[in-house]
């Protein structure tokens, strides 16, 4: 049964049309007034137009991301491409949406954006995340051999002693950035995240994984974030 699951995962990761999966846009930005951004999103989501939105929106503070100047990230995702179309059609011509865009332009400067979709290639369980402000790491990569990468990733994840959730997503549009895929890792807090990092360092399968993917993937962006607030279900 596990072999069948991995095979289906490989089909999705290599861009075979298999099934509708969650799709979204991940924005990175510099924000001058985070509290004003929360207020603007609160106001929109409580408005008549905002209540029609089907999007799951998550605003996070970026704690570390190398030389990337972004201070915050915003993930806006939908259950499917069809749901994205429906939600955007219901809100994009409203005065509330225009007001949100005006407010956002005053307090933030875009740095990057990527459209992505989930692959359902994952490990761990989201049930282990109980904190309202969990910590996540997003590793954005250019993967030259997706099938080999996911096989190595599955092998490594199957050897770890942790139920913290992690997953691979496909990047469908990233502008001029050389990004094709990403990996997300989430923990309730930084202490849990560091425990996972330490456990990986002591796992021989982790070293094997790094060696096996060394020539097929290049890390383009690596960010550690903490969730500020989410809107939607």
C-alpha atoms as a PDB file:
ATOM      1  CA  UNK A   1       0.000   0.000   0.000  1.00  0.00           C
ATOM      2  CA  UNK A   2       2.882   2.353   0.836  1.00  0.00           C
ATOM      3  CA  UNK A   3       4.465   1.652  -2.563  1.00  0.00           C
ATOM      4  CA  UNK A   4       1.235   2.667  -4.310  1.00  0.00           C
ATOM      5  CA  UNK A   5       1.075   5.876  -2.245  1.00  0.00           C
ATOM      6  CA  UNK A   6       4.643   6.819  -3.163  1.00  0.00           C
ATOM      7  CA  UNK A   7       3.992   6.072  -6.844  1.00  0.00           C
ATOM      8  CA  UNK A   8       0.960   8.381  -6.890  1.00  0.00           C
ATOM      9  CA  UNK A   9       3.032  11.044  -5.125  1.00  0.00           C
ATOM     10  CA  UNK A  10       5.670  10.828  -7.835  1.00  0.00           C
ATOM     11  CA  UNK A  11       3.007  11.326 -10.499  1.00  0.00           C
ATOM     12  CA  UNK A  12       1.811  14.528  -8.861  1.00  0.00           C
ATOM     13  CA  UNK A  13       5.294  15.910  -8.191  1.00  0.00           C
ATOM     14  CA  UNK A  14       6.308  15.395 -11.813  1.00  0.00           C
ATOM     15  CA  UNK A  15       3.320  17.498 -12.904  1.00  0.00           C
ATOM     16  CA  UNK A  16       1.060  14.691 -14.126  1.00  0.00           C
ATOM     17  CA  UNK A  17      -2.590  15.802 -14.069  1.00  0.00           C
ATOM     18  CA  UNK A  18      -3.956  13.597 -11.287  1.00  0.00           C
ATOM     19  CA  UNK A  19      -6.395  15.452  -9.032  1.00  0.00           C
ATOM     20  CA  UNK A  20      -7.364  18.879  -7.742  1.00  0.00           C
ATOM     21  CA  UNK A  21      -5.111  19.940  -4.884  1.00  0.00           C
ATOM     22  CA  UNK A  22      -4.922  23.043  -2.727  1.00  0.00           C
ATOM     23  CA  UNK A  23      -3.606  26.052  -4.642  1.00  0.00           C
ATOM     24  CA  UNK A  24      -2.434  29.419  -3.411  1.00  0.00           C
ATOM     25  CA  UNK A  25      -0.085  32.390  -3.608  1.00  0.00           C
ATOM     26  CA  UNK A  26       2.763  32.984  -1.162  1.00  0.00           C
ATOM     27  CA  UNK A  27       3.751  36.642  -0.822  1.00  0.00           C
ATOM     28  CA  UNK A  28       6.871  38.002   0.853  1.00  0.00           C
ATOM     29  CA  UNK A  29       6.893  41.718   1.725  1.00  0.00           C
ATOM     30  CA  UNK A  30       8.375  44.424   3.889  1.00  0.00           C
ATOM     31  CA  UNK A  31       5.733  45.782   6.263  1.00  0.00           C
ATOM     32  CA  UNK A  32       6.018  49.141   8.013  1.00  0.00           C
ATOM     33  CA  UNK A  33       3.015  48.665  10.333  1.00  0.00           C
ATOM     34  CA  UNK A  34       2.091  45.005  11.026  1.00  0.00           C
ATOM     35  CA  UNK A  35      -0.790  45.906  13.353  1.00  0.00           C
ATOM     36  CA  UNK A  36      -2.335  48.034  10.595  1.00  0.00           C
ATOM     37  CA  UNK A  37      -2.098  45.067   8.222  1.00  0.00           C
ATOM     38  CA  UNK A  38      -3.919  42.838  10.710  1.00  0.00           C
ATOM     39  CA  UNK A  39      -6.578  45.527  11.126  1.00  0.00           C
ATOM     40  CA  UNK A  40      -6.998  45.885   7.349  1.00  0.00           C
ATOM     41  CA  UNK A  41      -7.423  42.124   6.901  1.00  0.00           C
ATOM     42  CA  UNK A  42      -9.805  41.955   9.874  1.00  0.00           C
ATOM     43  CA  UNK A  43     -11.931  44.734   8.357  1.00  0.00           C
ATOM     44  CA  UNK A  44     -12.065  43.083   4.947  1.00  0.00           C
ATOM     45  CA  UNK A  45     -12.857  39.585   6.207  1.00  0.00           C
ATOM     46  CA  UNK A  46     -15.690  40.899   8.383  1.00  0.00           C
ATOM     47  CA  UNK A  47     -17.233  42.871   5.498  1.00  0.00           C
ATOM     48  CA  UNK A  48     -20.010  41.565   3.240  1.00  0.00           C
ATOM     49  CA  UNK A  49     -17.513  41.016   0.414  1.00  0.00           C
ATOM     50  CA  UNK A  50     -14.922  39.452   2.680  1.00  0.00           C
ATOM     51  CA  UNK A  51     -17.422  36.926   3.996  1.00  0.00           C
ATOM     52  CA  UNK A  52     -17.769  35.634   0.431  1.00  0.00           C
ATOM     53  CA  UNK A  53     -14.086  34.827   0.253  1.00  0.00           C
ATOM     54  CA  UNK A  54     -13.220  31.131   0.417  1.00  0.00           C
ATOM     55  CA  UNK A  55      -9.521  31.787   0.954  1.00  0.00           C
ATOM     56  CA  UNK A  56      -7.449  30.600   3.880  1.00  0.00           C
ATOM     57  CA  UNK A  57      -5.177  33.569   4.646  1.00  0.00           C
ATOM     58  CA  UNK A  58      -2.194  33.383   6.986  1.00  0.00           C
ATOM     59  CA  UNK A  59      -0.014  36.351   7.939  1.00  0.00           C
ATOM     60  CA  UNK A  60       3.402  35.506   9.413  1.00  0.00           C
ATOM     61  CA  UNK A  61       6.388  37.414  10.702  1.00  0.00           C
ATOM     62  CA  UNK A  62       9.679  36.349   9.114  1.00  0.00           C
ATOM     63  CA  UNK A  63      12.239  35.709  11.840  1.00  0.00           C
ATOM     64  CA  UNK A  64      15.147  34.799   9.570  1.00  0.00           C
ATOM     65  CA  UNK A  65      15.620  34.594   5.786  1.00  0.00           C
ATOM     66  CA  UNK A  66      19.230  35.439   4.995  1.00  0.00           C
ATOM     67  CA  UNK A  67      19.721  38.490   2.764  1.00  0.00           C
ATOM     68  CA  UNK A  68      16.052  38.571   1.698  1.00  0.00           C
ATOM     69  CA  UNK A  69      14.687  41.985   2.858  1.00  0.00           C
ATOM     70  CA  UNK A  70      11.129  40.713   3.476  1.00  0.00           C
ATOM     71  CA  UNK A  71       9.827  41.098   7.033  1.00  0.00           C
ATOM     72  CA  UNK A  72       6.489  39.282   6.643  1.00  0.00           C
ATOM     73  CA  UNK A  73       4.787  36.673   4.499  1.00  0.00           C
ATOM     74  CA  UNK A  74       1.166  36.194   3.469  1.00  0.00           C
ATOM     75  CA  UNK A  75      -0.208  32.877   2.245  1.00  0.00           C
ATOM     76  CA  UNK A  76      -3.567  32.973   0.438  1.00  0.00           C
ATOM     77  CA  UNK A  77      -4.805  29.505  -0.516  1.00  0.00           C
ATOM     78  CA  UNK A  78      -7.924  27.762  -1.802  1.00  0.00           C
ATOM     79  CA  UNK A  79      -9.143  24.151  -1.835  1.00  0.00           C
ATOM     80  CA  UNK A  80      -8.839  24.061  -5.642  1.00  0.00           C
ATOM     81  CA  UNK A  81      -8.307  26.189  -8.714  1.00  0.00           C
ATOM     82  CA  UNK A  82     -12.076  26.331  -9.225  1.00  0.00           C
ATOM     83  CA  UNK A  83     -12.549  27.658  -5.689  1.00  0.00           C
ATOM     84  CA  UNK A  84      -9.905  30.321  -6.352  1.00  0.00           C
ATOM     85  CA  UNK A  85     -11.811  31.450  -9.453  1.00  0.00           C
ATOM     86  CA  UNK A  86     -15.113  31.525  -7.553  1.00  0.00           C
ATOM     87  CA  UNK A  87     -13.718  33.462  -4.600  1.00  0.00           C
ATOM     88  CA  UNK A  88     -11.884  36.042  -6.707  1.00  0.00           C
ATOM     89  CA  UNK A  89     -14.973  36.632  -8.853  1.00  0.00           C
ATOM     90  CA  UNK A  90     -17.058  37.252  -5.727  1.00  0.00           C
ATOM     91  CA  UNK A  91     -14.713  39.859  -4.207  1.00  0.00           C
ATOM     92  CA  UNK A  92     -12.463  41.558  -6.782  1.00  0.00           C
ATOM     93  CA  UNK A  93     -14.940  44.235  -7.935  1.00  0.00           C
ATOM     94  CA  UNK A  94     -16.174  45.160  -4.450  1.00  0.00           C
ATOM     95  CA  UNK A  95     -15.432  48.444  -2.727  1.00  0.00           C
ATOM     96  CA  UNK A  96     -14.198  46.490   0.314  1.00  0.00           C
ATOM     97  CA  UNK A  97     -11.556  44.747  -1.800  1.00  0.00           C
ATOM     98  CA  UNK A  98     -10.470  48.093  -3.249  1.00  0.00           C
ATOM     99  CA  UNK A  99     -10.199  49.507   0.274  1.00  0.00           C
ATOM    100  CA  UNK A 100      -8.049  46.558   1.359  1.00  0.00           C
ATOM    101  CA  UNK A 101      -5.717  47.015  -1.607  1.00  0.00           C
ATOM    102  CA  UNK A 102      -5.402  50.729  -0.839  1.00  0.00           C
ATOM    103  CA  UNK A 103      -4.582  50.069   2.815  1.00  0.00           C
ATOM    104  CA  UNK A 104      -2.040  47.385   1.949  1.00  0.00           C
ATOM    105  CA  UNK A 105      -0.233  49.630  -0.553  1.00  0.00           C
ATOM    106  CA  UNK A 106       0.357  52.178   2.215  1.00  0.00           C
ATOM    107  CA  UNK A 107       1.942  49.804   4.708  1.00  0.00           C
ATOM    108  CA  UNK A 108       3.772  47.159   2.691  1.00  0.00           C
ATOM    109  CA  UNK A 109       6.184  46.788  -0.219  1.00  0.00           C
ATOM    110  CA  UNK A 110       6.117  43.507  -2.207  1.00  0.00           C
ATOM    111  CA  UNK A 111       9.379  41.527  -2.369  1.00  0.00           C
ATOM    112  CA  UNK A 112       8.343  38.297  -4.096  1.00  0.00           C
ATOM    113  CA  UNK A 113       5.367  36.072  -4.852  1.00  0.00           C
ATOM    114  CA  UNK A 114       4.943  32.480  -5.947  1.00  0.00           C
ATOM    115  CA  UNK A 115       1.861  30.524  -6.983  1.00  0.00           C
ATOM    116  CA  UNK A 116       1.944  27.008  -5.585  1.00  0.00           C
ATOM    117  CA  UNK A 117      -0.114  23.872  -5.180  1.00  0.00           C
ATOM    118  CA  UNK A 118       0.155  21.077  -2.656  1.00  0.00           C
ATOM    119  CA  UNK A 119       1.252  17.615  -3.779  1.00  0.00           C
ATOM    120  CA  UNK A 120      -0.143  15.608  -0.836  1.00  0.00           C
ATOM    121  CA  UNK A 121       3.362  14.205  -0.378  1.00  0.00           C
ATOM    122  CA  UNK A 122       3.727  14.689   3.359  1.00  0.00           C
ATOM    123  CA  UNK A 123       4.874  13.269   6.677  1.00  0.00           C
ATOM    124  CA  UNK A 124       3.764  13.706  10.260  1.00  0.00           C
ATOM    125  CA  UNK A 125       0.354  14.993  11.330  1.00  0.00           C
ATOM    126  CA  UNK A 126      -1.168  18.462  11.494  1.00  0.00           C
ATOM    127  CA  UNK A 127      -2.940  17.308  14.677  1.00  0.00           C
ATOM    128  CA  UNK A 128       0.357  17.773  16.526  1.00  0.00           C
ATOM    129  CA  UNK A 129       0.141  21.549  15.965  1.00  0.00           C
ATOM    130  CA  UNK A 130      -1.956  23.045  18.764  1.00  0.00           C
ATOM    131  CA  UNK A 131      -0.352  26.488  19.118  1.00  0.00           C
ATOM    132  CA  UNK A 132      -2.163  29.495  17.576  1.00  0.00           C
ATOM    133  CA  UNK A 133       1.268  30.868  16.652  1.00  0.00           C
ATOM    134  CA  UNK A 134       3.305  27.954  15.300  1.00  0.00           C
ATOM    135  CA  UNK A 135       6.744  28.260  13.729  1.00  0.00           C
ATOM    136  CA  UNK A 136       7.299  27.159  10.125  1.00  0.00           C
ATOM    137  CA  UNK A 137      10.290  26.804   7.848  1.00  0.00           C
ATOM    138  CA  UNK A 138       9.805  27.237   4.098  1.00  0.00           C
ATOM    139  CA  UNK A 139      12.596  25.989   1.847  1.00  0.00           C
ATOM    140  CA  UNK A 140      12.128  27.069  -1.793  1.00  0.00           C
ATOM    141  CA  UNK A 141      14.178  25.115  -4.327  1.00  0.00           C
ATOM    142  CA  UNK A 142      14.945  24.441  -7.951  1.00  0.00           C
ATOM    143  CA  UNK A 143      14.593  20.644  -8.300  1.00  0.00           C
ATOM    144  CA  UNK A 144      16.029  19.153 -11.478  1.00  0.00           C
ATOM    145  CA  UNK A 145      14.881  15.560 -10.861  1.00  0.00           C
ATOM    146  CA  UNK A 146      11.603  15.606  -8.885  1.00  0.00           C
ATOM    147  CA  UNK A 147      11.084  11.822  -8.877  1.00  0.00           C
ATOM    148  CA  UNK A 148      14.522  11.146  -7.403  1.00  0.00           C
ATOM    149  CA  UNK A 149      14.088  13.960  -4.880  1.00  0.00           C
ATOM    150  CA  UNK A 150      10.749  12.734  -3.558  1.00  0.00           C
ATOM    151  CA  UNK A 151      11.974   9.137  -3.293  1.00  0.00           C
ATOM    152  CA  UNK A 152      14.931  10.312  -1.187  1.00  0.00           C
ATOM    153  CA  UNK A 153      12.681  12.610   0.874  1.00  0.00           C
ATOM    154  CA  UNK A 154      10.171   9.841   1.601  1.00  0.00           C
ATOM    155  CA  UNK A 155      12.946   7.489   2.680  1.00  0.00           C
ATOM    156  CA  UNK A 156      14.444  10.077   5.000  1.00  0.00           C
ATOM    157  CA  UNK A 157      11.100  11.150   6.498  1.00  0.00           C
ATOM    158  CA  UNK A 158      10.164   7.524   7.133  1.00  0.00           C
ATOM    159  CA  UNK A 159      13.239   7.154   9.351  1.00  0.00           C
ATOM    160  CA  UNK A 160      12.614  10.104  11.659  1.00  0.00           C
ATOM    161  CA  UNK A 161      11.098   9.840  15.137  1.00  0.00           C
ATOM    162  CA  UNK A 162       8.726  12.826  14.886  1.00  0.00           C
ATOM    163  CA  UNK A 163       5.106  13.548  14.012  1.00  0.00           C
ATOM    164  CA  UNK A 164       5.664  17.235  13.272  1.00  0.00           C
ATOM    165  CA  UNK A 165       4.077  17.929   9.862  1.00  0.00           C
ATOM    166  CA  UNK A 166       6.152  18.474   6.745  1.00  0.00           C
ATOM    167  CA  UNK A 167       5.222  18.456   3.070  1.00  0.00           C
ATOM    168  CA  UNK A 168       6.359  19.120  -0.485  1.00  0.00           C
ATOM    169  CA  UNK A 169       4.587  21.658  -2.682  1.00  0.00           C
ATOM    170  CA  UNK A 170       4.967  22.477  -6.363  1.00  0.00           C
ATOM    171  CA  UNK A 171       5.674  26.073  -7.436  1.00  0.00           C
ATOM    172  CA  UNK A 172       3.805  26.840 -10.659  1.00  0.00           C
ATOM    173  CA  UNK A 173       4.819  30.481 -11.083  1.00  0.00           C
ATOM    174  CA  UNK A 174       7.711  32.329  -9.462  1.00  0.00           C
ATOM    175  CA  UNK A 175       8.527  35.152 -11.840  1.00  0.00           C
ATOM    176  CA  UNK A 176      12.248  35.321 -12.583  1.00  0.00           C
ATOM    177  CA  UNK A 177      13.167  33.237  -9.513  1.00  0.00           C
ATOM    178  CA  UNK A 178      14.434  29.736 -10.270  1.00  0.00           C
ATOM    179  CA  UNK A 179      12.006  27.933  -7.981  1.00  0.00           C
ATOM    180  CA  UNK A 180      10.151  24.737  -8.882  1.00  0.00           C
ATOM    181  CA  UNK A 181       9.271  23.193  -5.515  1.00  0.00           C
ATOM    182  CA  UNK A 182       9.251  23.866  -1.801  1.00  0.00           C
ATOM    183  CA  UNK A 183       9.234  22.044   1.509  1.00  0.00           C
ATOM    184  CA  UNK A 184       7.315  23.208   4.579  1.00  0.00           C
ATOM    185  CA  UNK A 185       8.103  22.133   8.144  1.00  0.00           C
ATOM    186  CA  UNK A 186       5.957  23.232  11.105  1.00  0.00           C
ATOM    187  CA  UNK A 187       6.363  23.048  14.894  1.00  0.00           C
ATOM    188  CA  UNK A 188       4.433  24.511  17.815  1.00  0.00           C
ATOM    189  CA  UNK A 189       7.362  26.682  18.844  1.00  0.00           C
ATOM    190  CA  UNK A 190      11.051  27.270  18.215  1.00  0.00           C
ATOM    191  CA  UNK A 191      12.068  24.791  20.922  1.00  0.00           C
ATOM    192  CA  UNK A 192      10.291  21.989  19.039  1.00  0.00           C
ATOM    193  CA  UNK A 193      11.797  23.121  15.750  1.00  0.00           C
ATOM    194  CA  UNK A 194      15.307  23.059  17.227  1.00  0.00           C
ATOM    195  CA  UNK A 195      14.694  19.594  18.703  1.00  0.00           C
ATOM    196  CA  UNK A 196      13.802  18.409  15.196  1.00  0.00           C
ATOM    197  CA  UNK A 197      16.945  20.002  13.751  1.00  0.00           C
ATOM    198  CA  UNK A 198      19.085  18.292  16.417  1.00  0.00           C
ATOM    199  CA  UNK A 199      17.382  14.938  15.770  1.00  0.00           C
ATOM    200  CA  UNK A 200      18.086  15.274  12.038  1.00  0.00           C
ATOM    201  CA  UNK A 201      21.752  15.943  12.693  1.00  0.00           C
ATOM    202  CA  UNK A 202      21.969  12.681  14.636  1.00  0.00           C
ATOM    203  CA  UNK A 203      20.121  10.642  12.015  1.00  0.00           C
ATOM    204  CA  UNK A 204      22.434   8.913   9.477  1.00  0.00           C
ATOM    205  CA  UNK A 205      19.547   8.882   6.989  1.00  0.00           C
ATOM    206  CA  UNK A 206      19.616  12.701   7.031  1.00  0.00           C
ATOM    207  CA  UNK A 207      23.229  12.751   5.871  1.00  0.00           C
ATOM    208  CA  UNK A 208      22.360  10.171   3.213  1.00  0.00           C
ATOM    209  CA  UNK A 209      19.445  12.311   2.044  1.00  0.00           C
ATOM    210  CA  UNK A 210      21.577  15.452   1.727  1.00  0.00           C
ATOM    211  CA  UNK A 211      24.185  13.565  -0.278  1.00  0.00           C
ATOM    212  CA  UNK A 212      21.603  11.988  -2.592  1.00  0.00           C
ATOM    213  CA  UNK A 213      19.927  15.305  -3.514  1.00  0.00           C
ATOM    214  CA  UNK A 214      23.081  17.429  -3.623  1.00  0.00           C
ATOM    215  CA  UNK A 215      23.291  17.491  -7.408  1.00  0.00           C
ATOM    216  CA  UNK A 216      19.566  17.682  -8.205  1.00  0.00           C
ATOM    217  CA  UNK A 217      18.311  20.573  -6.104  1.00  0.00           C
ATOM    218  CA  UNK A 218      19.413  24.127  -5.380  1.00  0.00           C
ATOM    219  CA  UNK A 219      17.992  26.046  -2.404  1.00  0.00           C
ATOM    220  CA  UNK A 220      16.864  29.492  -3.589  1.00  0.00           C
ATOM    221  CA  UNK A 221      15.201  30.794  -0.400  1.00  0.00           C
ATOM    222  CA  UNK A 222      15.058  29.535   3.194  1.00  0.00           C
ATOM    223  CA  UNK A 223      12.807  31.355   5.664  1.00  0.00           C
ATOM    224  CA  UNK A 224      11.786  30.761   9.279  1.00  0.00           C
ATOM    225  CA  UNK A 225       8.434  32.370  10.138  1.00  0.00           C
ATOM    226  CA  UNK A 226       5.997  32.591  13.043  1.00  0.00           C
ATOM    227  CA  UNK A 227       2.262  32.841  12.403  1.00  0.00           C
ATOM    228  CA  UNK A 228       0.628  36.097  13.505  1.00  0.00           C
ATOM    229  CA  UNK A 229      -2.982  35.348  12.541  1.00  0.00           C
ATOM    230  CA  UNK A 230      -5.077  33.283  10.121  1.00  0.00           C
ATOM    231  CA  UNK A 231      -8.436  34.013   8.496  1.00  0.00           C
ATOM    232  CA  UNK A 232     -10.708  31.357   6.998  1.00  0.00           C
ATOM    233  CA  UNK A 233     -11.015  27.626   7.621  1.00  0.00           C
END
